[in-house]
Amino acid sequence: MPMIRMVVFFVCCLLTASPVFAAPKLVASLKPLADLAAGVVGDPSRVELLLPGGASPHSFTLRPSQMRALAAADLVVWVGPQLENFLVRHLASLPEERLLTFGSLSGVRLLPARRGGAWRHEAVEHDEDGDIDPHLWLDPDNARLLVLALAERLAGIDPENGTDYRRRAERLAGWIAALQQGLSDRLAAVRTKKYLVFHDAYQYFERAFGLEPLGALAIHPDRPPGARRLRELRDLLRRSGAVCVFSEPQFEPKLLRVLTEGLALRHGQLDPLGVDRPVSGASYLDLLAGLGDGLVSCLSN
């Protein structure tokens, strides 16, 4: 077991052993946000996750039971309209004090969305509409800001347990920082290796660790690329010295197989949501460690 995974396992044991307090009812839109919230609350059962494991936030419809959960929540944690557009009209009637919008927190790093296809590192092509890349949780610095902000919001809702929320948030933020340093050291050996991802979900992780992706097959996984982009990317893979292409567990990798047929490339898998792990603060750490493992495994010679 890699050292980073051993540390995550140890943290998981500590989090599981943490004392449980009565807490406000939270609803989190996405799995990584639910994980971070659970690490602050101290009781995963107090955090309701809206999107099930394999669902895409790009195309989701709420069930009536989920609408009721939103209405009853003390606090709803979401990225913002850039990603969970399906939530916008349902959250419009909730007062601001019952919403924690990740993308609006002071100090959170926001990166502009990139276009599909190949990216030139000397001048990465961004979306002309000025859209923001919404995958904020894959920047460890952003994740630390979220857990600290969440602790303050929970302390306002439940002052009696405010000290405990802040203590758990500080502890989780410290573990994220330690894991970030370990990942930086481990990924240093593959920073110059070229690869292609299924869809553009990893820009924050790539910037945090200095990685060099060639591009993405798709920007939005529900919008398949056309024949012209497939030809361009196939040519790029031939001439770039690319080592690996990555699929995702949420989406059928058929297009990637078509793209790489006959090319000497390794195939890996990256999961930007951590869908197969139980909701817990340790699962967020395991998500980051899993991305590091996947990249190192596929990109190493």
C-alpha atoms as a PDB file:
ATOM      1  CA  MET A   1       0.000   0.000   0.000  1.00  0.00           C
ATOM      2  CA  PRO A   2       1.508   3.416  -0.989  1.00  0.00           C
ATOM      3  CA  MET A   3       2.478   5.588   1.989  1.00  0.00           C
ATOM      4  CA  ILE A   4      -0.144   8.199   1.087  1.00  0.00           C
ATOM      5  CA  ARG A   5      -2.903   5.568   1.175  1.00  0.00           C
ATOM      6  CA  MET A   6      -1.643   4.325   4.565  1.00  0.00           C
ATOM      7  CA  VAL A   7      -1.943   7.854   5.953  1.00  0.00           C
ATOM      8  CA  VAL A   8      -5.469   8.183   4.530  1.00  0.00           C
ATOM      9  CA  PHE A   9      -6.437   4.855   6.150  1.00  0.00           C
ATOM     10  CA  PHE A  10      -5.131   6.079   9.509  1.00  0.00           C
ATOM     11  CA  VAL A  11      -7.088   9.332   9.165  1.00  0.00           C
ATOM     12  CA  CYS A  12     -10.202   7.348   8.281  1.00  0.00           C
ATOM     13  CA  CYS A  13      -9.888   5.413  11.534  1.00  0.00           C
ATOM     14  CA  LEU A  14      -9.540   8.630  13.521  1.00  0.00           C
ATOM     15  CA  LEU A  15     -12.549  10.214  11.838  1.00  0.00           C
ATOM     16  CA  THR A  16     -14.652   7.129  12.405  1.00  0.00           C
ATOM     17  CA  ALA A  17     -13.718   7.220  16.073  1.00  0.00           C
ATOM     18  CA  SER A  18     -14.615  10.909  16.449  1.00  0.00           C
ATOM     19  CA  PRO A  19     -17.365  11.666  18.966  1.00  0.00           C
ATOM     20  CA  VAL A  20     -20.775  12.285  17.393  1.00  0.00           C
ATOM     21  CA  PHE A  21     -22.827  15.335  18.337  1.00  0.00           C
ATOM     22  CA  ALA A  22     -26.341  16.352  17.421  1.00  0.00           C
ATOM     23  CA  ALA A  23     -25.916  18.585  14.392  1.00  0.00           C
ATOM     24  CA  PRO A  24     -27.931  20.631  11.937  1.00  0.00           C
ATOM     25  CA  LYS A  25     -29.249  18.788   8.895  1.00  0.00           C
ATOM     26  CA  LEU A  26     -27.067  19.402   5.842  1.00  0.00           C
ATOM     27  CA  VAL A  27     -27.727  18.696   2.193  1.00  0.00           C
ATOM     28  CA  ALA A  28     -24.748  18.530  -0.191  1.00  0.00           C
ATOM     29  CA  SER A  29     -25.161  18.489  -3.947  1.00  0.00           C
ATOM     30  CA  LEU A  30     -22.078  16.396  -4.835  1.00  0.00           C
ATOM     31  CA  LYS A  31     -20.136  13.572  -3.233  1.00  0.00           C
ATOM     32  CA  PRO A  32     -16.896  15.533  -2.526  1.00  0.00           C
ATOM     33  CA  LEU A  33     -18.880  18.322  -0.857  1.00  0.00           C
ATOM     34  CA  ALA A  34     -20.759  15.768   1.251  1.00  0.00           C
ATOM     35  CA  ASP A  35     -17.418  14.224   2.274  1.00  0.00           C
ATOM     36  CA  LEU A  36     -15.986  17.558   3.369  1.00  0.00           C
ATOM     37  CA  ALA A  37     -19.199  18.460   5.201  1.00  0.00           C
ATOM     38  CA  ALA A  38     -19.222  15.099   7.012  1.00  0.00           C
ATOM     39  CA  GLY A  39     -15.681  15.728   8.200  1.00  0.00           C
ATOM     40  CA  VAL A  40     -16.800  18.977   9.817  1.00  0.00           C
ATOM     41  CA  VAL A  41     -20.134  17.765  11.201  1.00  0.00           C
ATOM     42  CA  GLY A  42     -18.611  14.591  12.630  1.00  0.00           C
ATOM     43  CA  ASP A  43     -21.583  12.427  11.680  1.00  0.00           C
ATOM     44  CA  PRO A  44     -22.047  11.383   8.036  1.00  0.00           C
ATOM     45  CA  SER A  45     -25.684  10.488   8.705  1.00  0.00           C
ATOM     46  CA  ARG A  46     -26.410  14.194   9.171  1.00  0.00           C
ATOM     47  CA  VAL A  47     -25.349  14.956   5.591  1.00  0.00           C
ATOM     48  CA  GLU A  48     -27.710  14.062   2.762  1.00  0.00           C
ATOM     49  CA  LEU A  49     -26.148  13.624  -0.666  1.00  0.00           C
ATOM     50  CA  LEU A  50     -28.337  14.667  -3.584  1.00  0.00           C
ATOM     51  CA  LEU A  51     -26.539  13.129  -6.559  1.00  0.00           C
ATOM     52  CA  PRO A  52     -26.202   9.340  -6.365  1.00  0.00           C
ATOM     53  CA  GLY A  53     -22.933   7.647  -7.301  1.00  0.00           C
ATOM     54  CA  GLY A  54     -23.086   7.440 -11.076  1.00  0.00           C
ATOM     55  CA  ALA A  55     -25.183  10.551 -11.743  1.00  0.00           C
ATOM     56  CA  SER A  56     -23.777  13.503 -13.657  1.00  0.00           C
ATOM     57  CA  PRO A  57     -24.348  17.029 -12.287  1.00  0.00           C
ATOM     58  CA  HIS A  58     -24.519  18.193 -15.889  1.00  0.00           C
ATOM     59  CA  SER A  59     -27.862  16.443 -16.458  1.00  0.00           C
ATOM     60  CA  PHE A  60     -29.785  15.594 -13.309  1.00  0.00           C
ATOM     61  CA  THR A  61     -33.421  15.907 -12.253  1.00  0.00           C
ATOM     62  CA  LEU A  62     -34.459  16.021  -8.602  1.00  0.00           C
ATOM     63  CA  ARG A  63     -36.978  13.575  -7.206  1.00  0.00           C
ATOM     64  CA  PRO A  64     -39.812  14.852  -4.955  1.00  0.00           C
ATOM     65  CA  SER A  65     -38.103  13.386  -1.864  1.00  0.00           C
ATOM     66  CA  GLN A  66     -34.947  15.362  -2.692  1.00  0.00           C
ATOM     67  CA  MET A  67     -36.957  18.550  -3.102  1.00  0.00           C
ATOM     68  CA  ARG A  68     -38.394  17.985   0.362  1.00  0.00           C
ATOM     69  CA  ALA A  69     -34.899  17.425   1.761  1.00  0.00           C
ATOM     70  CA  LEU A  70     -33.769  20.766   0.336  1.00  0.00           C
ATOM     71  CA  ALA A  71     -36.754  22.538   1.871  1.00  0.00           C
ATOM     72  CA  ALA A  72     -36.062  20.983   5.286  1.00  0.00           C
ATOM     73  CA  ALA A  73     -32.277  21.470   5.339  1.00  0.00           C
ATOM     74  CA  ASP A  74     -30.615  23.825   7.802  1.00  0.00           C
ATOM     75  CA  LEU A  75     -27.842  24.345   5.266  1.00  0.00           C
ATOM     76  CA  VAL A  76     -27.393  23.431   1.593  1.00  0.00           C
ATOM     77  CA  VAL A  77     -23.807  23.132   0.295  1.00  0.00           C
ATOM     78  CA  TRP A  78     -23.320  23.399  -3.458  1.00  0.00           C
ATOM     79  CA  VAL A  79     -20.749  24.660  -5.971  1.00  0.00           C
ATOM     80  CA  GLY A  80     -23.062  27.118  -7.727  1.00  0.00           C
ATOM     81  CA  PRO A  81     -25.041  27.578 -10.924  1.00  0.00           C
ATOM     82  CA  GLN A  82     -21.939  26.908 -13.058  1.00  0.00           C
ATOM     83  CA  LEU A  83     -22.281  23.188 -12.257  1.00  0.00           C
ATOM     84  CA  GLU A  84     -25.560  22.280 -10.525  1.00  0.00           C
ATOM     85  CA  ASN A  85     -27.865  24.196 -12.826  1.00  0.00           C
ATOM     86  CA  PHE A  86     -30.623  21.721 -11.945  1.00  0.00           C
ATOM     87  CA  LEU A  87     -30.671  23.239  -8.420  1.00  0.00           C
ATOM     88  CA  VAL A  88     -31.028  26.908  -9.310  1.00  0.00           C
ATOM     89  CA  ARG A  89     -34.818  27.173  -9.333  1.00  0.00           C
ATOM     90  CA  HIS A  90     -35.176  24.935  -6.279  1.00  0.00           C
ATOM     91  CA  LEU A  91     -32.784  27.071  -4.223  1.00  0.00           C
ATOM     92  CA  ALA A  92     -34.214  30.407  -5.348  1.00  0.00           C
ATOM     93  CA  SER A  93     -36.787  30.415  -2.546  1.00  0.00           C
ATOM     94  CA  LEU A  94     -34.290  29.582   0.231  1.00  0.00           C
ATOM     95  CA  PRO A  95     -32.844  32.460   2.291  1.00  0.00           C
ATOM     96  CA  GLU A  96     -29.118  33.166   1.825  1.00  0.00           C
ATOM     97  CA  GLU A  97     -28.291  32.034   5.354  1.00  0.00           C
ATOM     98  CA  ARG A  98     -29.375  28.502   4.414  1.00  0.00           C
ATOM     99  CA  LEU A  99     -27.032  28.325   1.412  1.00  0.00           C
ATOM    100  CA  LEU A 100     -23.285  27.863   1.272  1.00  0.00           C
ATOM    101  CA  THR A 101     -22.165  28.463  -2.301  1.00  0.00           C
ATOM    102  CA  PHE A 102     -18.635  27.136  -2.768  1.00  0.00           C
ATOM    103  CA  GLY A 103     -17.933  29.260  -5.838  1.00  0.00           C
ATOM    104  CA  SER A 104     -18.804  32.471  -3.977  1.00  0.00           C
ATOM    105  CA  LEU A 105     -16.550  32.014  -0.944  1.00  0.00           C
ATOM    106  CA  SER A 106     -13.934  34.690  -0.434  1.00  0.00           C
ATOM    107  CA  GLY A 107     -10.469  33.476  -1.376  1.00  0.00           C
ATOM    108  CA  VAL A 108     -11.559  30.475  -3.461  1.00  0.00           C
ATOM    109  CA  ARG A 109      -9.494  30.130  -6.624  1.00  0.00           C
ATOM    110  CA  LEU A 110     -11.663  30.203  -9.748  1.00  0.00           C
ATOM    111  CA  LEU A 111     -10.258  29.128 -13.099  1.00  0.00           C
ATOM    112  CA  PRO A 112     -11.862  29.928 -16.456  1.00  0.00           C
ATOM    113  CA  ALA A 113     -13.386  27.032 -18.351  1.00  0.00           C
ATOM    114  CA  ARG A 114     -11.329  25.623 -21.215  1.00  0.00           C
ATOM    115  CA  ARG A 115     -12.445  24.668 -24.679  1.00  0.00           C
ATOM    116  CA  GLY A 116     -12.664  21.062 -25.770  1.00  0.00           C
ATOM    117  CA  GLY A 117      -9.964  19.329 -27.767  1.00  0.00           C
ATOM    118  CA  ALA A 118      -6.253  20.077 -27.515  1.00  0.00           C
ATOM    119  CA  TRP A 119      -4.780  22.760 -25.261  1.00  0.00           C
ATOM    120  CA  ARG A 120      -1.648  24.737 -26.012  1.00  0.00           C
ATOM    121  CA  HIS A 121       0.181  25.328 -22.736  1.00  0.00           C
ATOM    122  CA  GLU A 122       1.727  28.577 -23.893  1.00  0.00           C
ATOM    123  CA  ALA A 123      -1.782  29.936 -24.491  1.00  0.00           C
ATOM    124  CA  VAL A 124      -4.476  27.651 -23.123  1.00  0.00           C
ATOM    125  CA  GLU A 125      -7.702  28.273 -24.989  1.00  0.00           C
ATOM    126  CA  HIS A 126     -10.541  29.295 -22.707  1.00  0.00           C
ATOM    127  CA  ASP A 127     -14.257  29.573 -23.219  1.00  0.00           C
ATOM    128  CA  GLU A 128     -15.075  32.908 -24.861  1.00  0.00           C
ATOM    129  CA  ASP A 129     -18.288  33.187 -22.818  1.00  0.00           C
ATOM    130  CA  GLY A 130     -16.263  33.687 -19.646  1.00  0.00           C
ATOM    131  CA  ASP A 131     -17.594  30.560 -17.923  1.00  0.00           C
ATOM    132  CA  ILE A 132     -15.887  29.305 -14.775  1.00  0.00           C
ATOM    133  CA  ASP A 133     -14.556  25.772 -14.451  1.00  0.00           C
ATOM    134  CA  PRO A 134     -16.771  24.456 -11.611  1.00  0.00           C
ATOM    135  CA  HIS A 135     -14.636  21.521 -10.369  1.00  0.00           C
ATOM    136  CA  LEU A 136     -13.396  23.603  -7.440  1.00  0.00           C
ATOM    137  CA  TRP A 137     -13.004  20.769  -4.930  1.00  0.00           C
ATOM    138  CA  LEU A 138     -10.000  19.289  -6.768  1.00  0.00           C
ATOM    139  CA  ASP A 139      -7.848  22.207  -5.611  1.00  0.00           C
ATOM    140  CA  PRO A 140      -6.800  21.266  -2.039  1.00  0.00           C
ATOM    141  CA  ASP A 141      -6.498  24.945  -1.110  1.00  0.00           C
ATOM    142  CA  ASN A 142     -10.121  25.479  -2.122  1.00  0.00           C
ATOM    143  CA  ALA A 143     -11.200  22.442  -0.110  1.00  0.00           C
ATOM    144  CA  ARG A 144      -9.543  23.819   3.018  1.00  0.00           C
ATOM    145  CA  LEU A 145     -11.353  27.128   2.586  1.00  0.00           C
ATOM    146  CA  LEU A 146     -14.656  25.301   2.260  1.00  0.00           C
ATOM    147  CA  VAL A 147     -14.301  23.263   5.462  1.00  0.00           C
ATOM    148  CA  LEU A 148     -13.275  26.317   7.479  1.00  0.00           C
ATOM    149  CA  ALA A 149     -16.168  28.374   6.079  1.00  0.00           C
ATOM    150  CA  LEU A 150     -18.562  25.515   6.727  1.00  0.00           C
ATOM    151  CA  ALA A 151     -17.462  25.300  10.364  1.00  0.00           C
ATOM    152  CA  GLU A 152     -18.236  28.992  10.835  1.00  0.00           C
ATOM    153  CA  ARG A 153     -21.669  28.637   9.253  1.00  0.00           C
ATOM    154  CA  LEU A 154     -22.473  25.612  11.419  1.00  0.00           C
ATOM    155  CA  ALA A 155     -21.269  27.421  14.536  1.00  0.00           C
ATOM    156  CA  GLY A 156     -23.729  30.190  13.707  1.00  0.00           C
ATOM    157  CA  ILE A 157     -26.582  27.700  13.350  1.00  0.00           C
ATOM    158  CA  ASP A 158     -25.579  25.567  16.347  1.00  0.00           C
ATOM    159  CA  PRO A 159     -23.451  27.718  18.726  1.00  0.00           C
ATOM    160  CA  GLU A 160     -23.438  25.064  21.443  1.00  0.00           C
ATOM    161  CA  ASN A 161     -21.244  22.823  19.287  1.00  0.00           C
ATOM    162  CA  GLY A 162     -19.335  25.597  17.513  1.00  0.00           C
ATOM    163  CA  THR A 163     -16.009  24.713  19.127  1.00  0.00           C
ATOM    164  CA  ASP A 164     -16.324  21.132  17.907  1.00  0.00           C
ATOM    165  CA  TYR A 165     -17.117  22.174  14.321  1.00  0.00           C
ATOM    166  CA  ARG A 166     -14.096  24.474  14.260  1.00  0.00           C
ATOM    167  CA  ARG A 167     -11.830  21.841  15.805  1.00  0.00           C
ATOM    168  CA  ARG A 168     -12.820  19.191  13.266  1.00  0.00           C
ATOM    169  CA  ALA A 169     -12.502  21.652  10.388  1.00  0.00           C
ATOM    170  CA  GLU A 170      -8.998  22.688  11.460  1.00  0.00           C
ATOM    171  CA  ARG A 171      -8.001  19.040  11.796  1.00  0.00           C
ATOM    172  CA  LEU A 172      -9.367  18.100   8.365  1.00  0.00           C
ATOM    173  CA  ALA A 173      -7.754  21.175   6.780  1.00  0.00           C
ATOM    174  CA  GLY A 174      -4.427  20.108   8.272  1.00  0.00           C
ATOM    175  CA  TRP A 175      -4.753  16.602   6.873  1.00  0.00           C
ATOM    176  CA  ILE A 176      -5.587  18.024   3.439  1.00  0.00           C
ATOM    177  CA  ALA A 177      -2.456  20.193   3.574  1.00  0.00           C
ATOM    178  CA  ALA A 178      -0.291  17.236   4.572  1.00  0.00           C
ATOM    179  CA  LEU A 179      -1.729  15.074   1.789  1.00  0.00           C
ATOM    180  CA  GLN A 180      -1.184  17.898  -0.696  1.00  0.00           C
ATOM    181  CA  GLN A 181       2.526  17.964   0.147  1.00  0.00           C
ATOM    182  CA  GLY A 182       2.793  14.195  -0.151  1.00  0.00           C
ATOM    183  CA  LEU A 183       1.043  14.219  -3.529  1.00  0.00           C
ATOM    184  CA  SER A 184       3.272  17.022  -4.777  1.00  0.00           C
ATOM    185  CA  ASP A 185       6.348  14.955  -3.965  1.00  0.00           C
ATOM    186  CA  ARG A 186       4.899  11.802  -5.535  1.00  0.00           C
ATOM    187  CA  LEU A 187       3.653  13.466  -8.737  1.00  0.00           C
ATOM    188  CA  ALA A 188       6.932  15.284  -9.360  1.00  0.00           C
ATOM    189  CA  ALA A 189       8.217  12.296 -11.343  1.00  0.00           C
ATOM    190  CA  VAL A 190       5.388  12.445 -13.897  1.00  0.00           C
ATOM    191  CA  ARG A 191       4.869  16.210 -14.265  1.00  0.00           C
ATOM    192  CA  THR A 192       6.239  16.303 -17.795  1.00  0.00           C
ATOM    193  CA  LYS A 193       4.340  13.244 -19.049  1.00  0.00           C
ATOM    194  CA  LYS A 194       1.612  13.934 -21.613  1.00  0.00           C
ATOM    195  CA  TYR A 195      -1.880  12.486 -21.335  1.00  0.00           C
ATOM    196  CA  LEU A 196      -5.487  13.004 -22.390  1.00  0.00           C
ATOM    197  CA  VAL A 197      -8.568  12.960 -20.133  1.00  0.00           C
ATOM    198  CA  PHE A 198     -12.126  12.002 -20.948  1.00  0.00           C
ATOM    199  CA  HIS A 199     -13.638  15.345 -19.936  1.00  0.00           C
ATOM    200  CA  ASP A 200     -12.220  18.543 -18.535  1.00  0.00           C
ATOM    201  CA  ALA A 201     -12.734  17.932 -14.819  1.00  0.00           C
ATOM    202  CA  TYR A 202      -9.146  18.125 -13.544  1.00  0.00           C
ATOM    203  CA  GLN A 203      -7.849  21.627 -14.228  1.00  0.00           C
ATOM    204  CA  TYR A 204      -7.694  22.538 -10.514  1.00  0.00           C
ATOM    205  CA  PHE A 205      -5.805  19.360  -9.638  1.00  0.00           C
ATOM    206  CA  GLU A 206      -3.454  19.865 -12.594  1.00  0.00           C
ATOM    207  CA  ARG A 207      -2.670  23.447 -11.593  1.00  0.00           C
ATOM    208  CA  ALA A 208      -2.153  22.471  -7.964  1.00  0.00           C
ATOM    209  CA  PHE A 209       0.429  19.821  -8.900  1.00  0.00           C
ATOM    210  CA  GLY A 210       1.984  21.191 -12.096  1.00  0.00           C
ATOM    211  CA  LEU A 211       0.747  18.486 -14.480  1.00  0.00           C
ATOM    212  CA  GLU A 212       0.714  18.740 -18.297  1.00  0.00           C
ATOM    213  CA  PRO A 213      -2.439  17.315 -19.911  1.00  0.00           C
ATOM    214  CA  LEU A 214      -2.755  17.535 -23.682  1.00  0.00           C
ATOM    215  CA  GLY A 215      -6.491  18.121 -23.686  1.00  0.00           C
ATOM    216  CA  ALA A 216      -9.883  16.562 -23.132  1.00  0.00           C
ATOM    217  CA  LEU A 217     -12.081  14.484 -25.369  1.00  0.00           C
ATOM    218  CA  ALA A 218     -15.072  16.512 -24.149  1.00  0.00           C
ATOM    219  CA  ILE A 219     -15.686  19.566 -21.997  1.00  0.00           C
ATOM    220  CA  HIS A 220     -19.150  18.395 -20.932  1.00  0.00           C
ATOM    221  CA  PRO A 221     -19.432  14.604 -20.803  1.00  0.00           C
ATOM    222  CA  ASP A 222     -23.019  14.706 -22.074  1.00  0.00           C
ATOM    223  CA  ARG A 223     -21.951  16.461 -25.289  1.00  0.00           C
ATOM    224  CA  PRO A 224     -19.918  14.004 -27.380  1.00  0.00           C
ATOM    225  CA  PRO A 225     -17.234  15.440 -29.676  1.00  0.00           C
ATOM    226  CA  GLY A 226     -17.638  15.548 -33.415  1.00  0.00           C
ATOM    227  CA  ALA A 227     -15.634  13.663 -36.000  1.00  0.00           C
ATOM    228  CA  ARG A 228     -13.328  16.624 -36.611  1.00  0.00           C
ATOM    229  CA  ARG A 229     -12.257  16.819 -32.962  1.00  0.00           C
ATOM    230  CA  LEU A 230     -11.684  13.073 -32.854  1.00  0.00           C
ATOM    231  CA  ARG A 231      -9.380  13.333 -35.884  1.00  0.00           C
ATOM    232  CA  GLU A 232      -7.483  16.275 -34.363  1.00  0.00           C
ATOM    233  CA  LEU A 233      -7.004  14.530 -31.042  1.00  0.00           C
ATOM    234  CA  ARG A 234      -5.948  11.280 -32.672  1.00  0.00           C
ATOM    235  CA  ASP A 235      -3.295  13.174 -34.630  1.00  0.00           C
ATOM    236  CA  LEU A 236      -2.192  14.942 -31.437  1.00  0.00           C
ATOM    237  CA  LEU A 237      -1.797  11.643 -29.612  1.00  0.00           C
ATOM    238  CA  ARG A 238       0.342  10.274 -32.454  1.00  0.00           C
ATOM    239  CA  ARG A 239       2.819  13.151 -32.549  1.00  0.00           C
ATOM    240  CA  SER A 240       2.943  14.348 -28.931  1.00  0.00           C
ATOM    241  CA  GLY A 241       4.570  11.428 -27.183  1.00  0.00           C
ATOM    242  CA  ALA A 242       1.449  10.914 -25.081  1.00  0.00           C
ATOM    243  CA  VAL A 243       1.690   8.113 -22.549  1.00  0.00           C
ATOM    244  CA  CYS A 244      -1.858   7.556 -21.340  1.00  0.00           C
ATOM    245  CA  VAL A 245      -5.547   8.321 -21.835  1.00  0.00           C
ATOM    246  CA  PHE A 246      -7.965   8.367 -18.900  1.00  0.00           C
ATOM    247  CA  SER A 247     -11.625   7.373 -18.734  1.00  0.00           C
ATOM    248  CA  GLU A 248     -14.073   7.948 -15.842  1.00  0.00           C
ATOM    249  CA  PRO A 249     -16.232   5.405 -14.008  1.00  0.00           C
ATOM    250  CA  GLN A 250     -19.385   7.492 -14.534  1.00  0.00           C
ATOM    251  CA  PHE A 251     -19.226   7.393 -18.329  1.00  0.00           C
ATOM    252  CA  GLU A 252     -18.984   4.739 -21.022  1.00  0.00           C
ATOM    253  CA  PRO A 253     -15.415   4.887 -22.434  1.00  0.00           C
ATOM    254  CA  LYS A 254     -16.420   3.734 -25.928  1.00  0.00           C
ATOM    255  CA  LEU A 255     -15.322   7.009 -27.546  1.00  0.00           C
ATOM    256  CA  LEU A 256     -11.895   6.725 -25.956  1.00  0.00           C
ATOM    257  CA  ARG A 257     -11.511   3.237 -27.393  1.00  0.00           C
ATOM    258  CA  VAL A 258     -12.420   4.580 -30.837  1.00  0.00           C
ATOM    259  CA  LEU A 259      -9.992   7.463 -30.406  1.00  0.00           C
ATOM    260  CA  THR A 260      -7.029   5.308 -29.414  1.00  0.00           C
ATOM    261  CA  GLU A 261      -7.568   2.232 -31.583  1.00  0.00           C
ATOM    262  CA  GLY A 262      -4.222   1.092 -32.988  1.00  0.00           C
ATOM    263  CA  LEU A 263      -2.194   3.580 -30.892  1.00  0.00           C
ATOM    264  CA  ALA A 264       0.388   2.437 -28.334  1.00  0.00           C
ATOM    265  CA  LEU A 265      -1.176   4.132 -25.317  1.00  0.00           C
ATOM    266  CA  ARG A 266      -1.911   2.965 -21.806  1.00  0.00           C
ATOM    267  CA  HIS A 267      -5.456   3.329 -20.472  1.00  0.00           C
ATOM    268  CA  GLY A 268      -6.170   4.534 -16.948  1.00  0.00           C
ATOM    269  CA  GLN A 269      -9.182   5.731 -14.996  1.00  0.00           C
ATOM    270  CA  LEU A 270      -9.674   8.897 -12.952  1.00  0.00           C
ATOM    271  CA  ASP A 271     -12.672   9.561 -10.734  1.00  0.00           C
ATOM    272  CA  PRO A 272     -13.282  13.274  -9.988  1.00  0.00           C
ATOM    273  CA  LEU A 273     -16.147  12.540  -7.560  1.00  0.00           C
ATOM    274  CA  GLY A 274     -15.104   9.532  -5.480  1.00  0.00           C
ATOM    275  CA  VAL A 275     -18.396   7.784  -6.167  1.00  0.00           C
ATOM    276  CA  ASP A 276     -17.453   4.349  -4.771  1.00  0.00           C
ATOM    277  CA  ARG A 277     -16.490   5.554  -1.291  1.00  0.00           C
ATOM    278  CA  PRO A 278     -18.809   6.079   1.698  1.00  0.00           C
ATOM    279  CA  VAL A 279     -19.558   9.652   2.719  1.00  0.00           C
ATOM    280  CA  SER A 280     -16.871  10.793   5.192  1.00  0.00           C
ATOM    281  CA  GLY A 281     -14.113  13.357   5.560  1.00  0.00           C
ATOM    282  CA  ALA A 282     -11.585  10.593   4.955  1.00  0.00           C
ATOM    283  CA  SER A 283     -13.209   9.835   1.594  1.00  0.00           C
ATOM    284  CA  TYR A 284     -12.243  13.279   0.312  1.00  0.00           C
ATOM    285  CA  LEU A 285      -8.622  12.535   1.207  1.00  0.00           C
ATOM    286  CA  ASP A 286      -8.933   9.171  -0.495  1.00  0.00           C
ATOM    287  CA  LEU A 287     -10.339  10.897  -3.592  1.00  0.00           C
ATOM    288  CA  LEU A 288      -7.218  13.039  -3.945  1.00  0.00           C
ATOM    289  CA  ALA A 289      -4.928  10.109  -3.155  1.00  0.00           C
ATOM    290  CA  GLY A 290      -6.766   8.003  -5.751  1.00  0.00           C
ATOM    291  CA  LEU A 291      -6.194  10.620  -8.445  1.00  0.00           C
ATOM    292  CA  GLY A 292      -2.513  10.647  -7.571  1.00  0.00           C
ATOM    293  CA  ASP A 293      -2.346   6.846  -7.678  1.00  0.00           C
ATOM    294  CA  GLY A 294      -4.137   6.710 -11.038  1.00  0.00           C
ATOM    295  CA  LEU A 295      -1.879   9.277 -12.628  1.00  0.00           C
ATOM    296  CA  VAL A 296       1.384   7.820 -11.314  1.00  0.00           C
ATOM    297  CA  SER A 297       0.369   4.263 -12.237  1.00  0.00           C
ATOM    298  CA  CYS A 298      -0.510   5.100 -15.846  1.00  0.00           C
ATOM    299  CA  LEU A 299       2.157   7.736 -16.537  1.00  0.00           C
ATOM    300  CA  SER A 300       5.170   6.025 -14.997  1.00  0.00           C
ATOM    301  CA  ASN A 301       7.467   4.039 -17.277  1.00  0.00           C
END
